Amino acid sequence: MDERDYRIDREPDGDLWLLELIEDAQVVWVFPCDSHDEALAAGTVWICEDDADD
């Protein structure tokens, strides 16, 4: 089973939040989000999809 995680960071210029989706310690996708809440929701879905695959 792949280990999934995510990281949320503010873009350097401060306009967007960057959601990094991580699988097996490798960033597999970076998604720009307008708000921290949007990034958090998408990251939560990413984790839940892994649980649903079990």
PDB file of N, CA and C in Angstrom:
ATOM      1  N   MET A   1       0.834  -1.189   0.000  1.00  0.00           N
ATOM      2  CA  MET A   1       0.000   0.000   0.000  1.00  0.00           C
ATOM      3  C   MET A   1       0.877   1.248   0.000  1.00  0.00           C
ATOM      4  N   ASP A   2       0.524   2.216  -0.812  1.00  0.00           N
ATOM      5  CA  ASP A   2       1.260   3.466  -0.878  1.00  0.00           C
ATOM      6  C   ASP A   2       0.922   4.349   0.316  1.00  0.00           C
ATOM      7  N   GLU A   3       1.932   5.013   0.839  1.00  0.00           N
ATOM      8  CA  GLU A   3       1.749   5.961   1.938  1.00  0.00           C
ATOM      9  C   GLU A   3       1.438   7.332   1.341  1.00  0.00           C
ATOM     10  N   ARG A   4       0.306   7.913   1.714  1.00  0.00           N
ATOM     11  CA  ARG A   4      -0.098   9.220   1.197  1.00  0.00           C
ATOM     12  C   ARG A   4      -0.022  10.273   2.288  1.00  0.00           C
ATOM     13  N   ASP A   5       0.327  11.485   1.882  1.00  0.00           N
ATOM     14  CA  ASP A   5       0.367  12.626   2.779  1.00  0.00           C
ATOM     15  C   ASP A   5       0.181  13.873   1.925  1.00  0.00           C
ATOM     16  N   TYR A   6       0.107  15.016   2.558  1.00  0.00           N
ATOM     17  CA  TYR A   6       0.060  16.275   1.826  1.00  0.00           C
ATOM     18  C   TYR A   6       0.715  17.364   2.657  1.00  0.00           C
ATOM     19  N   ARG A   7       1.084  18.427   1.978  1.00  0.00           N
ATOM     20  CA  ARG A   7       1.704  19.584   2.632  1.00  0.00           C
ATOM     21  C   ARG A   7       1.087  20.830   2.007  1.00  0.00           C
ATOM     22  N   ILE A   8       0.804  21.820   2.840  1.00  0.00           N
ATOM     23  CA  ILE A   8       0.249  23.084   2.365  1.00  0.00           C
ATOM     24  C   ILE A   8       1.246  24.195   2.699  1.00  0.00           C
ATOM     25  N   ASP A   9       1.642  24.929   1.682  1.00  0.00           N
ATOM     26  CA  ASP A   9       2.563  26.054   1.861  1.00  0.00           C
ATOM     27  C   ASP A   9       2.017  27.267   1.136  1.00  0.00           C
ATOM     28  N   ARG A  10       2.353  28.433   1.646  1.00  0.00           N
ATOM     29  CA  ARG A  10       1.978  29.674   0.971  1.00  0.00           C
ATOM     30  C   ARG A  10       2.926  29.899  -0.192  1.00  0.00           C
ATOM     31  N   GLU A  11       2.385  30.295  -1.335  1.00  0.00           N
ATOM     32  CA  GLU A  11       3.214  30.629  -2.494  1.00  0.00           C
ATOM     33  C   GLU A  11       4.129  31.799  -2.114  1.00  0.00           C
ATOM     34  N   PRO A  12       5.363  31.839  -2.627  1.00  0.00           N
ATOM     35  CA  PRO A  12       6.306  32.887  -2.235  1.00  0.00           C
ATOM     36  C   PRO A  12       5.766  34.318  -2.369  1.00  0.00           C
ATOM     37  N   ASP A  13       4.971  34.603  -3.395  1.00  0.00           N
ATOM     38  CA  ASP A  13       4.443  35.963  -3.524  1.00  0.00           C
ATOM     39  C   ASP A  13       3.185  36.180  -2.681  1.00  0.00           C
ATOM     40  N   GLY A  14       2.687  35.119  -2.038  1.00  0.00           N
ATOM     41  CA  GLY A  14       1.592  35.243  -1.092  1.00  0.00           C
ATOM     42  C   GLY A  14       0.201  35.260  -1.675  1.00  0.00           C
ATOM     43  N   ASP A  15       0.028  35.069  -2.989  1.00  0.00           N
ATOM     44  CA  ASP A  15      -1.299  35.124  -3.595  1.00  0.00           C
ATOM     45  C   ASP A  15      -2.063  33.809  -3.488  1.00  0.00           C
ATOM     46  N   LEU A  16      -1.364  32.695  -3.518  1.00  0.00           N
ATOM     47  CA  LEU A  16      -2.009  31.384  -3.524  1.00  0.00           C
ATOM     48  C   LEU A  16      -1.417  30.479  -2.452  1.00  0.00           C
ATOM     49  N   TRP A  17      -2.145  29.444  -2.144  1.00  0.00           N
ATOM     50  CA  TRP A  17      -1.661  28.354  -1.313  1.00  0.00           C
ATOM     51  C   TRP A  17      -1.331  27.196  -2.230  1.00  0.00           C
ATOM     52  N   LEU A  18      -0.226  26.507  -1.975  1.00  0.00           N
ATOM     53  CA  LEU A  18       0.183  25.365  -2.788  1.00  0.00           C
ATOM     54  C   LEU A  18      -0.023  24.079  -1.993  1.00  0.00           C
ATOM     55  N   LEU A  19      -0.850  23.209  -2.530  1.00  0.00           N
ATOM     56  CA  LEU A  19      -1.092  21.901  -1.942  1.00  0.00           C
ATOM     57  C   LEU A  19      -0.197  20.904  -2.663  1.00  0.00           C
ATOM     58  N   GLU A  20       0.703  20.280  -1.927  1.00  0.00           N
ATOM     59  CA  GLU A  20       1.583  19.253  -2.489  1.00  0.00           C
ATOM     60  C   GLU A  20       1.053  17.897  -2.053  1.00  0.00           C
ATOM     61  N   LEU A  21       0.693  17.075  -3.017  1.00  0.00           N
ATOM     62  CA  LEU A  21       0.242  15.717  -2.720  1.00  0.00           C
ATOM     63  C   LEU A  21       1.452  14.797  -2.784  1.00  0.00           C
ATOM     64  N   ILE A  22       1.632  14.024  -1.740  1.00  0.00           N
ATOM     65  CA  ILE A  22       2.833  13.212  -1.564  1.00  0.00           C
ATOM     66  C   ILE A  22       2.443  11.746  -1.481  1.00  0.00           C
ATOM     67  N   GLU A  23       3.151  10.932  -2.239  1.00  0.00           N
ATOM     68  CA  GLU A  23       2.931   9.489  -2.206  1.00  0.00           C
ATOM     69  C   GLU A  23       4.290   8.807  -2.108  1.00  0.00           C
ATOM     70  N   ASP A  24       4.435   7.952  -1.111  1.00  0.00           N
ATOM     71  CA  ASP A  24       5.705   7.264  -0.851  1.00  0.00           C
ATOM     72  C   ASP A  24       6.882   8.240  -0.797  1.00  0.00           C
ATOM     73  N   ALA A  25       6.702   9.329  -0.049  1.00  0.00           N
ATOM     74  CA  ALA A  25       7.723  10.348   0.207  1.00  0.00           C
ATOM     75  C   ALA A  25       8.124  11.157  -1.027  1.00  0.00           C
ATOM     76  N   GLN A  26       7.355  11.078  -2.105  1.00  0.00           N
ATOM     77  CA  GLN A  26       7.626  11.840  -3.323  1.00  0.00           C
ATOM     78  C   GLN A  26       6.434  12.745  -3.638  1.00  0.00           C
ATOM     79  N   VAL A  27       6.703  14.000  -3.975  1.00  0.00           N
ATOM     80  CA  VAL A  27       5.634  14.897  -4.397  1.00  0.00           C
ATOM     81  C   VAL A  27       5.170  14.440  -5.774  1.00  0.00           C
ATOM     82  N   VAL A  28       3.890  14.112  -5.875  1.00  0.00           N
ATOM     83  CA  VAL A  28       3.352  13.607  -7.133  1.00  0.00           C
ATOM     84  C   VAL A  28       2.496  14.645  -7.854  1.00  0.00           C
ATOM     85  N   TRP A  29       2.097  15.700  -7.133  1.00  0.00           N
ATOM     86  CA  TRP A  29       1.258  16.717  -7.757  1.00  0.00           C
ATOM     87  C   TRP A  29       1.270  17.965  -6.898  1.00  0.00           C
ATOM     88  N   VAL A  30       1.318  19.135  -7.531  1.00  0.00           N
ATOM     89  CA  VAL A  30       1.221  20.413  -6.829  1.00  0.00           C
ATOM     90  C   VAL A  30       0.000  21.137  -7.374  1.00  0.00           C
ATOM     91  N   PHE A  31      -0.904  21.512  -6.475  1.00  0.00           N
ATOM     92  CA  PHE A  31      -2.171  22.117  -6.852  1.00  0.00           C
ATOM     93  C   PHE A  31      -2.286  23.499  -6.227  1.00  0.00           C
ATOM     94  N   PRO A  32      -2.391  24.553  -7.033  1.00  0.00           N
ATOM     95  CA  PRO A  32      -2.566  25.900  -6.473  1.00  0.00           C
ATOM     96  C   PRO A  32      -4.008  26.091  -5.997  1.00  0.00           C
ATOM     97  N   CYS A  33      -4.155  26.658  -4.810  1.00  0.00           N
ATOM     98  CA  CYS A  33      -5.477  26.882  -4.227  1.00  0.00           C
ATOM     99  C   CYS A  33      -5.620  28.350  -3.839  1.00  0.00           C
ATOM    100  N   ASP A  34      -6.849  28.847  -3.896  1.00  0.00           N
ATOM    101  CA  ASP A  34      -7.110  30.241  -3.553  1.00  0.00           C
ATOM    102  C   ASP A  34      -7.102  30.499  -2.050  1.00  0.00           C
ATOM    103  N   SER A  35      -7.376  29.454  -1.263  1.00  0.00           N
ATOM    104  CA  SER A  35      -7.422  29.637   0.186  1.00  0.00           C
ATOM    105  C   SER A  35      -6.835  28.414   0.886  1.00  0.00           C
ATOM    106  N   HIS A  36      -6.467  28.609   2.139  1.00  0.00           N
ATOM    107  CA  HIS A  36      -5.968  27.506   2.948  1.00  0.00           C
ATOM    108  C   HIS A  36      -7.065  26.457   3.135  1.00  0.00           C
ATOM    109  N   ASP A  37      -8.299  26.911   3.331  1.00  0.00           N
ATOM    110  CA  ASP A  37      -9.415  25.977   3.511  1.00  0.00           C
ATOM    111  C   ASP A  37      -9.610  25.083   2.289  1.00  0.00           C
ATOM    112  N   GLU A  38      -9.489  25.662   1.093  1.00  0.00           N
ATOM    113  CA  GLU A  38      -9.609  24.872  -0.135  1.00  0.00           C
ATOM    114  C   GLU A  38      -8.507  23.818  -0.201  1.00  0.00           C
ATOM    115  N   ALA A  39      -7.285  24.205   0.139  1.00  0.00           N
ATOM    116  CA  ALA A  39      -6.160  23.271   0.122  1.00  0.00           C
ATOM    117  C   ALA A  39      -6.359  22.164   1.156  1.00  0.00           C
ATOM    118  N   LEU A  40      -6.835  22.531   2.339  1.00  0.00           N
ATOM    119  CA  LEU A  40      -7.070  21.551   3.393  1.00  0.00           C
ATOM    120  C   LEU A  40      -8.143  20.548   2.989  1.00  0.00           C
ATOM    121  N   ALA A  41      -9.217  21.032   2.379  1.00  0.00           N
ATOM    122  CA  ALA A  41     -10.284  20.133   1.933  1.00  0.00           C
ATOM    123  C   ALA A  41      -9.774  19.165   0.869  1.00  0.00           C
ATOM    124  N   ALA A  42      -9.035  19.666  -0.106  1.00  0.00           N
ATOM    125  CA  ALA A  42      -8.504  18.803  -1.167  1.00  0.00           C
ATOM    126  C   ALA A  42      -7.508  17.792  -0.605  1.00  0.00           C
ATOM    127  N   GLY A  43      -6.677  18.215   0.335  1.00  0.00           N
ATOM    128  CA  GLY A  43      -5.725  17.296   0.957  1.00  0.00           C
ATOM    129  C   GLY A  43      -6.426  16.201   1.741  1.00  0.00           C
ATOM    130  N   THR A  44      -7.513  16.562   2.410  1.00  0.00           N
ATOM    131  CA  THR A  44      -8.291  15.578   3.164  1.00  0.00           C
ATOM    132  C   THR A  44      -8.913  14.548   2.227  1.00  0.00           C
ATOM    133  N   VAL A  45      -9.437  14.998   1.097  1.00  0.00           N
ATOM    134  CA  VAL A  45      -9.990  14.078   0.109  1.00  0.00           C
ATOM    135  C   VAL A  45      -8.904  13.133  -0.394  1.00  0.00           C
ATOM    136  N   TRP A  46      -7.699  13.660  -0.653  1.00  0.00           N
ATOM    137  CA  TRP A  46      -6.563  12.845  -1.093  1.00  0.00           C
ATOM    138  C   TRP A  46      -6.301  11.715  -0.103  1.00  0.00           C
ATOM    139  N   ILE A  47      -6.290  12.020   1.187  1.00  0.00           N
ATOM    140  CA  ILE A  47      -6.042  10.999   2.212  1.00  0.00           C
ATOM    141  C   ILE A  47      -7.208  10.005   2.263  1.00  0.00           C
ATOM    142  N   CYS A  48      -8.431  10.513   2.214  1.00  0.00           N
ATOM    143  CA  CYS A  48      -9.609   9.637   2.291  1.00  0.00           C
ATOM    144  C   CYS A  48      -9.713   8.702   1.093  1.00  0.00           C
ATOM    145  N   GLU A  49      -9.323   9.156  -0.085  1.00  0.00           N
ATOM    146  CA  GLU A  49      -9.354   8.280  -1.264  1.00  0.00           C
ATOM    147  C   GLU A  49      -8.436   7.093  -1.064  1.00  0.00           C
ATOM    148  N   ASP A  50      -7.306   7.286  -0.388  1.00  0.00           N
ATOM    149  CA  ASP A  50      -6.390   6.183  -0.111  1.00  0.00           C
ATOM    150  C   ASP A  50      -7.054   5.177   0.816  1.00  0.00           C
ATOM    151  N   ASP A  51      -7.766   5.653   1.827  1.00  0.00           N
ATOM    152  CA  ASP A  51      -8.458   4.763   2.750  1.00  0.00           C
ATOM    153  C   ASP A  51      -9.560   3.988   2.048  1.00  0.00           C
ATOM    154  N   ALA A  52     -10.227   4.605   1.087  1.00  0.00           N
ATOM    155  CA  ALA A  52     -11.316   3.950   0.364  1.00  0.00           C
ATOM    156  C   ALA A  52     -10.786   2.849  -0.558  1.00  0.00           C
ATOM    157  N   ASP A  53      -9.520   2.964  -0.979  1.00  0.00           N
ATOM    158  CA  ASP A  53      -8.921   1.963  -1.868  1.00  0.00           C
ATOM    159  C   ASP A  53      -8.614   0.659  -1.143  1.00  0.00           C
ATOM    160  N   ASP A  54      -8.578   0.700   0.178  1.00  0.00           N
ATOM    161  CA  ASP A  54      -8.222  -0.497   0.958  1.00  0.00           C
ATOM    162  C   ASP A  54      -9.313  -1.530   0.908  1.00  0.00           C
TER     163      ASP A  54
END
